[in-house]
Amino acid sequence: MITMHWFDWTGLIGVLLVLLAYFLLQAGRVHGNALTYQLMNAFGAFAVLISLLYAFNLAAFVMESLWLCVSIYGIARARRVRLGS
């Protein structure tokens, strides 16, 4: 039997958020520059990073850190475009 801790659930929810965001993008339900899409990716990556603090994996940590950075960049870029700057 697999024992799941809170951080395992947090990481699993993060993975589901990222995959759901990608599915919605592919299904045409959200746009890549939509705040919803970017927030789903950012929160998903952040949740996976939290889980990695308890069960560290360098490759996954690097990927999720960069995924979070790209998501934050997308949020900032979209905000600049909306504000006309």
N, C-alpha and C. Protein backbone atom coordinates (compact mmCIF):
# COMPACT_ATOMS: atom_id res chain seq x y z
N MET A 1 0.83 -1.18 0.00
CA MET A 1 0.00 0.00 0.00
C MET A 1 0.89 1.26 0.00
N ILE A 2 0.50 2.24 -0.79
CA ILE A 2 1.25 3.49 -0.89
C ILE A 2 0.71 4.47 0.15
N THR A 3 1.62 5.04 0.90
CA THR A 3 1.24 6.05 1.88
C THR A 3 1.41 7.42 1.24
N MET A 4 0.34 8.20 1.25
CA MET A 4 0.38 9.54 0.66
C MET A 4 0.37 10.58 1.78
N HIS A 5 1.36 11.46 1.76
CA HIS A 5 1.45 12.56 2.71
C HIS A 5 0.85 13.81 2.07
N TRP A 6 0.68 14.85 2.87
CA TRP A 6 0.09 16.07 2.34
C TRP A 6 0.89 16.63 1.18
N PHE A 7 2.21 16.52 1.23
CA PHE A 7 3.04 17.08 0.15
C PHE A 7 2.92 16.24 -1.12
N ASP A 8 2.64 14.94 -0.98
CA ASP A 8 2.38 14.12 -2.16
C ASP A 8 1.10 14.57 -2.85
N TRP A 9 0.07 14.83 -2.06
CA TRP A 9 -1.21 15.31 -2.60
C TRP A 9 -1.03 16.68 -3.24
N THR A 10 -0.23 17.53 -2.62
CA THR A 10 0.03 18.86 -3.17
C THR A 10 0.68 18.75 -4.54
N GLY A 11 1.69 17.90 -4.66
CA GLY A 11 2.35 17.69 -5.94
C GLY A 11 1.43 17.10 -6.99
N LEU A 12 0.61 16.16 -6.57
CA LEU A 12 -0.34 15.54 -7.49
C LEU A 12 -1.36 16.56 -8.01
N ILE A 13 -1.85 17.40 -7.13
CA ILE A 13 -2.78 18.46 -7.55
C ILE A 13 -2.08 19.42 -8.51
N GLY A 14 -0.81 19.73 -8.23
CA GLY A 14 -0.05 20.58 -9.13
C GLY A 14 0.09 19.99 -10.52
N VAL A 15 0.41 18.72 -10.59
CA VAL A 15 0.52 18.04 -11.88
C VAL A 15 -0.82 18.07 -12.61
N LEU A 16 -1.90 17.81 -11.90
CA LEU A 16 -3.23 17.85 -12.51
C LEU A 16 -3.58 19.24 -13.04
N LEU A 17 -3.19 20.28 -12.31
CA LEU A 17 -3.45 21.66 -12.77
C LEU A 17 -2.71 21.96 -14.07
N VAL A 18 -1.43 21.58 -14.12
CA VAL A 18 -0.64 21.83 -15.33
C VAL A 18 -1.21 21.04 -16.51
N LEU A 19 -1.55 19.79 -16.28
CA LEU A 19 -2.12 18.98 -17.37
C LEU A 19 -3.49 19.47 -17.80
N LEU A 20 -4.30 19.91 -16.86
CA LEU A 20 -5.62 20.45 -17.20
C LEU A 20 -5.46 21.73 -18.02
N ALA A 21 -4.52 22.58 -17.63
CA ALA A 21 -4.27 23.81 -18.40
C ALA A 21 -3.88 23.47 -19.83
N TYR A 22 -3.00 22.50 -19.99
CA TYR A 22 -2.56 22.10 -21.33
C TYR A 22 -3.71 21.49 -22.13
N PHE A 23 -4.52 20.68 -21.48
CA PHE A 23 -5.68 20.09 -22.16
C PHE A 23 -6.64 21.18 -22.62
N LEU A 24 -6.93 22.14 -21.75
CA LEU A 24 -7.85 23.22 -22.11
C LEU A 24 -7.30 24.05 -23.26
N LEU A 25 -5.98 24.24 -23.28
CA LEU A 25 -5.34 24.94 -24.39
C LEU A 25 -5.53 24.17 -25.69
N GLN A 26 -5.26 22.87 -25.65
CA GLN A 26 -5.38 22.03 -26.85
C GLN A 26 -6.83 21.91 -27.32
N ALA A 27 -7.76 21.95 -26.37
CA ALA A 27 -9.18 21.84 -26.71
C ALA A 27 -9.76 23.18 -27.18
N GLY A 28 -8.95 24.23 -27.13
CA GLY A 28 -9.42 25.54 -27.58
C GLY A 28 -10.30 26.25 -26.57
N ARG A 29 -10.28 25.81 -25.33
CA ARG A 29 -11.12 26.42 -24.29
C ARG A 29 -10.44 27.61 -23.63
N VAL A 30 -9.11 27.69 -23.69
CA VAL A 30 -8.36 28.85 -23.19
C VAL A 30 -7.30 29.20 -24.23
N HIS A 31 -6.82 30.43 -24.15
CA HIS A 31 -5.74 30.88 -25.02
C HIS A 31 -4.44 30.87 -24.22
N GLY A 32 -3.34 30.72 -24.90
CA GLY A 32 -2.04 30.65 -24.25
C GLY A 32 -1.66 31.90 -23.48
N ASN A 33 -2.23 33.03 -23.86
CA ASN A 33 -1.93 34.27 -23.14
C ASN A 33 -3.01 34.63 -22.13
N ALA A 34 -3.97 33.75 -21.90
CA ALA A 34 -5.04 34.01 -20.94
C ALA A 34 -4.50 33.91 -19.51
N LEU A 35 -4.98 34.79 -18.67
CA LEU A 35 -4.54 34.80 -17.27
C LEU A 35 -4.88 33.46 -16.61
N THR A 36 -6.02 32.90 -16.91
CA THR A 36 -6.42 31.61 -16.32
C THR A 36 -5.40 30.53 -16.64
N TYR A 37 -5.00 30.46 -17.89
CA TYR A 37 -4.02 29.46 -18.33
C TYR A 37 -2.69 29.66 -17.60
N GLN A 38 -2.22 30.90 -17.55
CA GLN A 38 -0.94 31.19 -16.91
C GLN A 38 -0.98 30.91 -15.41
N LEU A 39 -2.09 31.26 -14.75
CA LEU A 39 -2.21 31.01 -13.31
C LEU A 39 -2.27 29.51 -13.01
N MET A 40 -2.97 28.76 -13.85
CA MET A 40 -3.03 27.31 -13.64
C MET A 40 -1.62 26.72 -13.72
N ASN A 41 -0.84 27.17 -14.69
CA ASN A 41 0.53 26.69 -14.84
C ASN A 41 1.40 27.12 -13.66
N ALA A 42 1.25 28.37 -13.24
CA ALA A 42 2.07 28.87 -12.14
C ALA A 42 1.75 28.16 -10.83
N PHE A 43 0.47 28.05 -10.50
CA PHE A 43 0.10 27.37 -9.26
C PHE A 43 0.44 25.88 -9.31
N GLY A 44 0.28 25.28 -10.49
CA GLY A 44 0.64 23.87 -10.63
C GLY A 44 2.11 23.64 -10.41
N ALA A 45 2.94 24.46 -11.05
CA ALA A 45 4.39 24.33 -10.89
C ALA A 45 4.80 24.59 -9.44
N PHE A 46 4.19 25.59 -8.81
CA PHE A 46 4.50 25.91 -7.42
C PHE A 46 4.14 24.73 -6.51
N ALA A 47 3.00 24.11 -6.75
CA ALA A 47 2.58 22.97 -5.93
C ALA A 47 3.55 21.80 -6.08
N VAL A 48 3.99 21.55 -7.31
CA VAL A 48 4.97 20.47 -7.52
C VAL A 48 6.28 20.81 -6.82
N LEU A 49 6.70 22.07 -6.88
CA LEU A 49 7.92 22.47 -6.19
C LEU A 49 7.82 22.24 -4.68
N ILE A 50 6.67 22.52 -4.11
CA ILE A 50 6.48 22.25 -2.68
C ILE A 50 6.69 20.77 -2.39
N SER A 51 6.11 19.92 -3.21
CA SER A 51 6.25 18.48 -2.98
C SER A 51 7.70 18.04 -3.14
N LEU A 52 8.44 18.70 -4.01
CA LEU A 52 9.84 18.34 -4.24
C LEU A 52 10.73 18.73 -3.07
N LEU A 53 10.29 19.65 -2.24
CA LEU A 53 11.06 19.98 -1.05
C LEU A 53 11.12 18.82 -0.07
N TYR A 54 10.16 17.91 -0.17
CA TYR A 54 10.09 16.76 0.73
C TYR A 54 10.61 15.47 0.09
N ALA A 55 10.56 15.41 -1.22
CA ALA A 55 11.09 14.25 -1.95
C ALA A 55 11.84 14.82 -3.16
N PHE A 56 13.08 15.28 -2.93
CA PHE A 56 13.81 16.05 -3.92
C PHE A 56 14.21 15.22 -5.13
N ASN A 57 14.07 15.85 -6.30
CA ASN A 57 14.52 15.30 -7.57
C ASN A 57 15.03 16.49 -8.36
N LEU A 58 16.32 16.55 -8.63
CA LEU A 58 16.93 17.72 -9.25
C LEU A 58 16.32 18.05 -10.61
N ALA A 59 16.17 17.06 -11.47
CA ALA A 59 15.63 17.32 -12.81
C ALA A 59 14.22 17.90 -12.73
N ALA A 60 13.38 17.32 -11.89
CA ALA A 60 12.01 17.82 -11.74
C ALA A 60 12.02 19.22 -11.12
N PHE A 61 12.92 19.45 -10.17
CA PHE A 61 13.02 20.77 -9.53
C PHE A 61 13.40 21.84 -10.54
N VAL A 62 14.37 21.55 -11.39
CA VAL A 62 14.79 22.51 -12.41
C VAL A 62 13.64 22.77 -13.38
N MET A 63 12.99 21.72 -13.83
CA MET A 63 11.90 21.88 -14.78
C MET A 63 10.76 22.71 -14.19
N GLU A 64 10.35 22.39 -12.97
CA GLU A 64 9.24 23.11 -12.36
C GLU A 64 9.60 24.54 -12.01
N SER A 65 10.85 24.78 -11.63
CA SER A 65 11.30 26.14 -11.35
C SER A 65 11.22 26.99 -12.61
N LEU A 66 11.70 26.44 -13.71
CA LEU A 66 11.65 27.17 -14.98
C LEU A 66 10.22 27.31 -15.48
N TRP A 67 9.39 26.29 -15.26
CA TRP A 67 7.97 26.35 -15.65
C TRP A 67 7.29 27.49 -14.90
N LEU A 68 7.60 27.64 -13.62
CA LEU A 68 7.04 28.72 -12.82
C LEU A 68 7.54 30.07 -13.33
N CYS A 69 8.82 30.16 -13.64
CA CYS A 69 9.38 31.42 -14.16
C CYS A 69 8.74 31.81 -15.48
N VAL A 70 8.56 30.87 -16.38
CA VAL A 70 7.93 31.16 -17.66
C VAL A 70 6.48 31.59 -17.45
N SER A 71 5.79 30.96 -16.53
CA SER A 71 4.40 31.34 -16.24
C SER A 71 4.33 32.76 -15.68
N ILE A 72 5.23 33.09 -14.79
CA ILE A 72 5.26 34.45 -14.23
C ILE A 72 5.58 35.47 -15.33
N TYR A 73 6.50 35.12 -16.20
CA TYR A 73 6.82 35.98 -17.34
C TYR A 73 5.57 36.19 -18.20
N GLY A 74 4.84 35.12 -18.48
CA GLY A 74 3.62 35.22 -19.29
C GLY A 74 2.57 36.09 -18.64
N ILE A 75 2.43 35.98 -17.32
CA ILE A 75 1.46 36.81 -16.59
C ILE A 75 1.87 38.28 -16.70
N ALA A 76 3.16 38.56 -16.48
CA ALA A 76 3.65 39.94 -16.55
C ALA A 76 3.52 40.51 -17.96
N ARG A 77 3.85 39.71 -18.95
CA ARG A 77 3.76 40.16 -20.35
C ARG A 77 2.32 40.45 -20.73
N ALA A 78 1.41 39.57 -20.37
CA ALA A 78 0.00 39.77 -20.69
C ALA A 78 -0.53 41.03 -20.00
N ARG A 79 -0.06 41.26 -18.79
CA ARG A 79 -0.50 42.45 -18.04
C ARG A 79 -0.01 43.72 -18.73
N ARG A 80 1.25 43.71 -19.19
CA ARG A 80 1.78 44.86 -19.92
C ARG A 80 0.99 45.13 -21.18
N VAL A 81 0.64 44.05 -21.90
CA VAL A 81 -0.13 44.21 -23.13
C VAL A 81 -1.51 44.78 -22.84
N ARG A 82 -2.16 44.27 -21.78
CA ARG A 82 -3.49 44.77 -21.42
C ARG A 82 -3.45 46.23 -21.00
N LEU A 83 -2.37 46.64 -20.35
CA LEU A 83 -2.26 48.02 -19.89
C LEU A 83 -1.74 48.95 -21.00
N GLY A 84 -1.32 48.36 -22.12
CA GLY A 84 -0.87 49.16 -23.24
C GLY A 84 0.52 49.74 -23.10
N SER A 85 1.34 49.13 -22.25
CA SER A 85 2.71 49.64 -22.05
C SER A 85 3.68 48.93 -22.95
